[in-house]
Protein backbone atom coordinates (compact mmCIF):
# COMPACT_ATOMS: atom_id res chain seq x y z
CA UNK A 1 0.00 0.00 0.00
CA UNK A 2 2.84 2.41 0.83
CA UNK A 3 4.37 1.83 -2.60
CA UNK A 4 1.03 2.54 -4.27
CA UNK A 5 0.58 5.74 -2.25
CA UNK A 6 4.06 6.87 -3.35
CA UNK A 7 3.23 6.17 -7.00
CA UNK A 8 -0.08 7.98 -6.65
CA UNK A 9 1.61 11.01 -5.10
CA UNK A 10 4.00 11.04 -8.03
CA UNK A 11 1.07 10.87 -10.41
CA UNK A 12 2.25 7.49 -11.66
CA UNK A 13 -0.26 4.92 -10.40
CA UNK A 14 -3.03 3.79 -12.73
CA UNK A 15 -5.05 0.68 -12.02
CA UNK A 16 -6.41 -1.85 -14.47
CA UNK A 17 -9.46 -2.26 -12.24
CA UNK A 18 -12.49 -0.99 -14.10
CA UNK A 19 -16.22 -1.26 -13.91
CA UNK A 20 -19.66 -0.64 -15.30
CA UNK A 21 -22.76 1.02 -13.94
CA UNK A 22 -25.80 -1.23 -13.61
CA UNK A 23 -29.43 -0.92 -12.52
CA UNK A 24 -28.96 0.39 -8.96
CA UNK A 25 -25.53 -1.17 -8.83
CA UNK A 26 -21.95 -1.35 -10.04
CA UNK A 27 -19.77 -4.11 -11.44
CA UNK A 28 -16.02 -3.96 -10.82
CA UNK A 29 -13.49 -6.22 -12.53
CA UNK A 30 -10.01 -6.71 -11.12
CA UNK A 31 -7.04 -8.84 -12.16
CA UNK A 32 -8.43 -12.01 -10.58
CA UNK A 33 -11.96 -11.23 -9.36
CA UNK A 34 -15.24 -9.80 -10.60
CA UNK A 35 -17.82 -8.31 -8.26
CA UNK A 36 -21.38 -7.08 -8.74
CA UNK A 37 -22.95 -5.02 -5.97
CA UNK A 38 -26.62 -4.03 -6.17
CA UNK A 39 -28.62 -1.79 -3.84
CA UNK A 40 -31.81 -3.80 -3.31
CA UNK A 41 -35.23 -2.15 -2.91
CA UNK A 42 -35.01 -2.65 0.89
CA UNK A 43 -31.75 -0.67 0.96
CA UNK A 44 -29.47 -3.62 1.66
CA UNK A 45 -26.50 -4.47 -0.56
CA UNK A 46 -26.46 -7.68 -2.56
CA UNK A 47 -22.86 -8.72 -3.23
CA UNK A 48 -21.82 -11.30 -5.80
CA UNK A 49 -18.07 -11.83 -6.14
CA UNK A 50 -16.48 -14.46 -8.36
CA UNK A 51 -12.89 -15.42 -9.23
CA UNK A 52 -11.86 -14.86 -12.81
CA UNK A 53 -8.99 -16.07 -14.95
CA UNK A 54 -8.02 -13.88 -17.90
CA UNK A 55 -8.43 -15.79 -21.15
CA UNK A 56 -4.87 -15.00 -22.22
CA UNK A 57 -3.57 -17.12 -19.34
CA UNK A 58 -5.32 -20.15 -20.83
CA UNK A 59 -4.69 -19.20 -24.46
CA UNK A 60 -1.59 -16.95 -24.77
CA UNK A 61 -2.35 -16.26 -28.44
CA UNK A 62 -5.30 -14.01 -27.49
CA UNK A 63 -2.80 -11.70 -25.79
CA UNK A 64 -1.24 -10.68 -29.09
CA UNK A 65 -1.68 -7.04 -30.21
CA UNK A 66 -4.89 -6.31 -32.14
CA UNK A 67 -6.29 -9.76 -31.32
CA UNK A 68 -6.35 -8.95 -27.60
CA UNK A 69 -8.52 -5.92 -28.31
CA UNK A 70 -11.18 -8.00 -30.06
CA UNK A 71 -11.17 -10.59 -27.25
CA UNK A 72 -11.29 -7.89 -24.58
CA UNK A 73 -14.24 -6.18 -26.29
CA UNK A 74 -16.25 -9.42 -26.53
CA UNK A 75 -15.39 -10.33 -22.93
CA UNK A 76 -16.45 -6.87 -21.70
CA UNK A 77 -19.73 -7.13 -23.60
CA UNK A 78 -20.47 -10.56 -22.12
CA UNK A 79 -19.59 -9.53 -18.56
CA UNK A 80 -21.58 -6.32 -18.93
CA UNK A 81 -24.73 -7.99 -20.22
CA UNK A 82 -24.49 -10.72 -17.56
CA UNK A 83 -24.15 -8.17 -14.75
CA UNK A 84 -26.89 -5.94 -16.16
CA UNK A 85 -29.36 -8.82 -16.35
CA UNK A 86 -28.44 -9.86 -12.81
CA UNK A 87 -29.07 -6.38 -11.44
CA UNK A 88 -32.37 -6.16 -13.32
CA UNK A 89 -33.67 -9.21 -11.43
CA UNK A 90 -33.95 -7.09 -8.27
CA UNK A 91 -36.04 -4.44 -10.03
CA UNK A 92 -38.92 -5.93 -12.05
CA UNK A 93 -40.98 -3.52 -14.08
CA UNK A 94 -43.89 -1.80 -12.33
CA UNK A 95 -46.92 -4.06 -12.20
CA UNK A 96 -44.93 -7.10 -13.24
CA UNK A 97 -46.01 -10.19 -11.34
CA UNK A 98 -44.63 -13.69 -11.06
CA UNK A 99 -46.17 -15.70 -13.87
CA UNK A 100 -46.41 -19.40 -14.51
CA UNK A 101 -43.78 -20.41 -17.11
CA UNK A 102 -45.23 -21.05 -20.55
CA UNK A 103 -45.04 -24.45 -22.22
CA UNK A 104 -42.27 -23.19 -24.46
CA UNK A 105 -40.27 -21.93 -21.46
CA UNK A 106 -40.76 -25.26 -19.67
CA UNK A 107 -39.62 -27.11 -22.82
CA UNK A 108 -36.49 -24.98 -23.12
CA UNK A 109 -35.67 -25.46 -19.45
CA UNK A 110 -36.14 -29.21 -19.80
CA UNK A 111 -34.01 -29.50 -22.94
CA UNK A 112 -31.26 -27.02 -22.11
CA UNK A 113 -31.32 -26.73 -18.35
CA UNK A 114 -31.49 -23.43 -16.46
CA UNK A 115 -27.74 -22.68 -16.72
CA UNK A 116 -27.51 -23.39 -20.45
CA UNK A 117 -30.72 -21.45 -21.05
CA UNK A 118 -29.40 -18.50 -19.07
CA UNK A 119 -26.13 -18.62 -21.02
CA UNK A 120 -28.02 -18.73 -24.31
CA UNK A 121 -30.12 -15.71 -23.32
CA UNK A 122 -27.04 -13.74 -22.28
CA UNK A 123 -25.22 -14.64 -25.51
CA UNK A 124 -28.25 -13.65 -27.57
CA UNK A 125 -28.55 -10.36 -25.68
CA UNK A 126 -24.87 -9.63 -26.29
CA UNK A 127 -25.16 -10.40 -30.01
CA UNK A 128 -28.27 -8.24 -30.33
CA UNK A 129 -26.51 -5.43 -28.48
CA UNK A 130 -23.54 -5.57 -30.85
CA UNK A 131 -25.83 -5.73 -33.89
CA UNK A 132 -27.79 -2.71 -32.62
CA UNK A 133 -24.61 -0.69 -32.10
CA UNK A 134 -23.20 -1.66 -35.50
CA UNK A 135 -26.50 -0.86 -37.22
CA UNK A 136 -26.91 2.50 -35.47
CA UNK A 137 -23.35 3.84 -35.50
CA UNK A 138 -21.85 2.17 -38.59
CA UNK A 139 -24.49 1.02 -41.07
CA UNK A 140 -27.03 3.82 -40.63
CA UNK A 141 -24.51 6.61 -41.33
CA UNK A 142 -23.34 4.68 -44.40
CA UNK A 143 -26.93 4.34 -45.66
CA UNK A 144 -27.67 8.02 -45.00
CA UNK A 145 -24.43 8.97 -46.73
CA UNK A 146 -25.59 7.04 -49.77
CA UNK A 147 -28.88 8.93 -49.78
CA UNK A 148 -27.13 12.31 -49.52
CA UNK A 149 -24.66 11.43 -52.29
CA UNK A 150 -27.58 10.78 -54.69
CA UNK A 151 -28.48 14.46 -54.44
CA UNK A 152 -24.87 15.53 -54.99
CA UNK A 153 -23.74 14.06 -58.33
CA UNK A 154 -20.02 14.20 -58.87
CA UNK A 155 -19.33 14.13 -55.12
CA UNK A 156 -15.66 13.11 -54.67
CA UNK A 157 -14.68 10.11 -52.57
CA UNK A 158 -13.39 12.27 -49.75
CA UNK A 159 -16.70 14.17 -49.74
CA UNK A 160 -18.75 11.05 -49.11
CA UNK A 161 -16.26 9.87 -46.50
CA UNK A 162 -16.61 13.25 -44.77
CA UNK A 163 -20.43 13.07 -44.83
CA UNK A 164 -20.45 9.58 -43.36
CA UNK A 165 -17.94 10.59 -40.70
CA UNK A 166 -19.96 13.61 -39.62
CA UNK A 167 -23.13 11.49 -39.50
CA UNK A 168 -21.42 8.90 -37.30
CA UNK A 169 -20.39 11.52 -34.76
CA UNK A 170 -23.79 13.28 -34.82
CA UNK A 171 -25.76 10.05 -34.36
CA UNK A 172 -23.45 8.91 -31.55
CA UNK A 173 -23.73 12.20 -29.66
CA UNK A 174 -27.50 12.43 -30.23
CA UNK A 175 -27.94 8.91 -28.86
CA UNK A 176 -25.95 9.69 -25.69
CA UNK A 177 -27.74 12.99 -25.10
CA UNK A 178 -31.19 11.43 -25.51
CA UNK A 179 -30.28 8.55 -23.20
CA UNK A 180 -28.99 10.93 -20.52
CA UNK A 181 -32.39 12.66 -20.43
CA UNK A 182 -34.22 9.43 -19.53
CA UNK A 183 -34.87 9.25 -15.79
CA UNK A 184 -33.76 5.64 -15.25
CA UNK A 185 -30.70 6.01 -17.47
CA UNK A 186 -29.76 9.26 -15.73
CA UNK A 187 -29.72 7.39 -12.42
CA UNK A 188 -27.55 4.66 -13.94
CA UNK A 189 -25.17 7.36 -15.14
CA UNK A 190 -24.97 8.58 -11.54
CA UNK A 191 -23.67 5.13 -10.60
CA UNK A 192 -21.23 5.61 -13.47
CA UNK A 193 -19.97 8.67 -11.64
CA UNK A 194 -19.63 6.68 -8.42
CA UNK A 195 -17.54 4.09 -10.25
CA UNK A 196 -15.16 6.75 -11.62
CA UNK A 197 -14.83 8.58 -8.31
CA UNK A 198 -14.03 5.36 -6.46
CA UNK A 199 -11.27 4.44 -8.92
CA UNK A 200 -9.82 7.97 -8.74
CA UNK A 201 -9.78 7.81 -4.94
CA UNK A 202 -7.85 4.54 -5.00
CA UNK A 203 -5.41 5.79 -7.63
CA UNK A 204 -4.75 8.87 -5.53
CA UNK A 205 -3.74 6.65 -2.61
CA UNK A 206 -6.58 7.79 -0.33
CA UNK A 207 -8.60 5.59 2.04
CA UNK A 208 -11.83 4.47 0.38
CA UNK A 209 -14.34 6.45 2.42
CA UNK A 210 -17.50 8.16 1.22
CA UNK A 211 -16.00 11.56 2.04
CA UNK A 212 -12.78 10.91 0.08
CA UNK A 213 -14.58 9.40 -2.90
CA UNK A 214 -17.14 12.21 -3.06
CA UNK A 215 -14.34 14.77 -3.52
CA UNK A 216 -12.92 13.07 -6.63
CA UNK A 217 -13.64 14.06 -10.26
CA UNK A 218 -16.48 12.20 -11.95
CA UNK A 219 -14.87 12.14 -15.41
CA UNK A 220 -12.18 9.47 -15.82
CA UNK A 221 -9.66 9.38 -18.72
CA UNK A 222 -9.94 5.60 -19.14
CA UNK A 223 -13.72 5.46 -19.35
CA UNK A 224 -15.41 3.03 -21.74
CA UNK A 225 -17.31 5.92 -23.31
CA UNK A 226 -13.98 7.24 -24.59
CA UNK A 227 -13.30 3.83 -26.09
CA UNK A 228 -16.55 3.93 -28.07
CA UNK A 229 -15.81 7.41 -29.35
CA UNK A 230 -12.31 6.39 -30.46
CA UNK A 231 -13.88 3.39 -32.23
CA UNK A 232 -15.94 5.82 -34.30
CA UNK A 233 -12.96 8.06 -35.01
CA UNK A 234 -10.79 5.09 -36.05
CA UNK A 235 -13.60 3.78 -38.26
CA UNK A 236 -13.80 7.18 -39.97
CA UNK A 237 -10.05 7.36 -40.57
CA UNK A 238 -9.65 3.73 -41.65
CA UNK A 239 -12.64 3.79 -44.00
CA UNK A 240 -11.39 7.04 -45.53
CA UNK A 241 -8.05 5.41 -46.32
CA UNK A 242 -9.57 2.15 -47.59
CA UNK A 243 -12.22 3.81 -49.74
CA UNK A 244 -9.61 6.12 -51.24
CA UNK A 245 -7.90 3.07 -52.75
CA UNK A 246 -10.96 0.86 -53.23
CA UNK A 247 -13.72 2.92 -54.81
CA UNK A 248 -17.09 1.64 -53.61
CA UNK A 249 -20.12 3.61 -54.74
CA UNK A 250 -22.75 1.00 -53.91
CA UNK A 251 -24.16 1.62 -50.44
CA UNK A 252 -24.56 -2.07 -49.59
CA UNK A 253 -21.00 -2.79 -50.73
CA UNK A 254 -19.76 -0.02 -48.42
CA UNK A 255 -21.80 -1.48 -45.55
CA UNK A 256 -20.21 -4.87 -46.14
CA UNK A 257 -16.75 -3.31 -46.20
CA UNK A 258 -17.45 -1.55 -42.90
CA UNK A 259 -18.46 -4.86 -41.32
CA UNK A 260 -15.30 -6.56 -42.56
CA UNK A 261 -13.17 -3.74 -41.11
CA UNK A 262 -14.91 -3.77 -37.71
CA UNK A 263 -12.63 -6.35 -35.99
CA UNK A 264 -9.56 -4.42 -37.15
CA UNK A 265 -11.13 -1.15 -35.95
CA UNK A 266 -11.79 -2.60 -32.49
CA UNK A 267 -8.27 -4.04 -32.33
CA UNK A 268 -6.62 -0.74 -33.30
CA UNK A 269 -8.80 1.23 -30.89
CA UNK A 270 -7.85 -1.05 -28.01
CA UNK A 271 -4.14 -0.54 -28.69
CA UNK A 272 -4.60 3.23 -28.87
CA UNK A 273 -6.53 3.34 -25.59
CA UNK A 274 -4.04 0.98 -23.96
CA UNK A 275 -1.16 3.30 -24.80
CA UNK A 276 -2.99 6.56 -24.12
CA UNK A 277 -4.31 5.24 -20.80
CA UNK A 278 -0.79 4.62 -19.56
CA UNK A 279 0.81 7.89 -20.62
CA UNK A 280 0.19 11.55 -19.86
CA UNK A 281 1.92 13.40 -22.68
CA UNK A 282 0.34 16.28 -24.59
CA UNK A 283 -0.65 14.02 -27.50
CA UNK A 284 -2.26 11.48 -25.16
CA UNK A 285 -4.20 14.20 -23.38
CA UNK A 286 -5.40 15.49 -26.75
CA UNK A 287 -6.61 12.02 -27.74
CA UNK A 288 -8.44 11.65 -24.41
CA UNK A 289 -10.01 15.12 -24.54
CA UNK A 290 -13.07 14.31 -26.72
CA UNK A 291 -13.92 11.27 -24.60
CA UNK A 292 -13.61 13.34 -21.42
CA UNK A 293 -15.94 15.92 -22.94
CA UNK A 294 -18.53 13.31 -23.91
CA UNK A 295 -18.69 12.11 -20.31
CA UNK A 296 -20.71 15.23 -19.46
CA UNK A 297 -23.69 13.25 -20.86
CA UNK A 298 -22.80 9.81 -19.49
CA UNK A 299 -21.49 10.55 -16.00
CA UNK A 300 -23.33 12.45 -13.27
CA UNK A 301 -22.76 13.24 -9.61
CA UNK A 302 -23.74 10.28 -7.40
CA UNK A 303 -25.31 10.42 -3.96
CA UNK A 304 -23.61 8.84 -0.94
CA UNK A 305 -25.58 5.58 -1.21
CA UNK A 306 -24.26 5.10 -4.75
CA UNK A 307 -20.72 5.85 -3.60
CA UNK A 308 -21.08 3.14 -0.93
CA UNK A 309 -21.94 0.65 -3.68
CA UNK A 310 -18.87 1.69 -5.67
CA UNK A 311 -16.57 1.35 -2.66
CA UNK A 312 -17.93 -2.08 -1.76
CA UNK A 313 -17.59 -3.40 -5.32
CA UNK A 314 -14.06 -2.02 -5.60
CA UNK A 315 -12.84 -3.46 -2.31
CA UNK A 316 -14.19 -6.86 -3.34
CA UNK A 317 -11.86 -7.05 -6.38
CA UNK A 318 -8.65 -5.69 -4.85
CA UNK A 319 -5.85 -8.15 -5.65
CA UNK A 320 -4.05 -9.98 -2.87
CA UNK A 321 -0.68 -9.20 -4.44
CA UNK A 322 -0.16 -5.46 -4.11
CA UNK A 323 0.71 -3.77 -7.38
CA UNK A 324 -0.58 -6.59 -9.58
CA UNK A 325 -3.37 -4.27 -10.70
CA UNK A 326 -1.00 -1.62 -12.06
CA UNK A 327 -1.94 -0.47 -15.58
């Protein structure tokens, strides 16, 4: 702990521990443990902590550059959906009552078993989430760019690339702003703030108390929101380069090309964020700046009860070997 406090005082300690805001809860993931803490309707905390083994320890090949970014993204999606569905179990929709399972549900449970069925539902939810994101932030701008280009005959390649790029950014920002105005999502974004503040408090070498955490900034430079924004920026730059050499006028052909480039985009983005997250030079701060700005719509001030959830989840995943969580 003393070594970590010294590093923090020198501005050099950054932890790999990260998390995600849930429905009235927070998930934290450390080097060897994952914890989900939910504030139940009765005010008590429900804590679920599990050991975890990074996939690269079982299969070293997934730790290679670019490939590790794709694996990390899929793993984060799966863990996030799993934790979100778990937290939702404590907060059924208003008026929702316990119902007798349908024949189809009974048949699925009999054939697959509850664990396999749950895994299938989580996998399906993750796939649908990825498809929704790809359709909204990648395919829709491409389709709209095709529509606009029909009204601008003779539009150069760089012009269409520019239109699609602007549309990607506008749609992404509009989506975040609209979500932040929804009451339930706004509250989830408050838990997002609690997650960031807790991590900042730890990185600054301070005891994890409500008072210390409350005083920390709510915008964190290694936030997942920044990752998503960089994904969009990388997709704009990469597609501009590719489409400058491979001229694709057909909208559906461009959509297909975007899908083929997506794994590479995710891999490149991960490497950029990995480097930028561990350095504090002027260029790195410039790369982080847009993501920090976007957090004004995805991260809000938490109340003390939310901070307590963040502290509990964070403490649960602290590694036994001090320093093993260094970025």
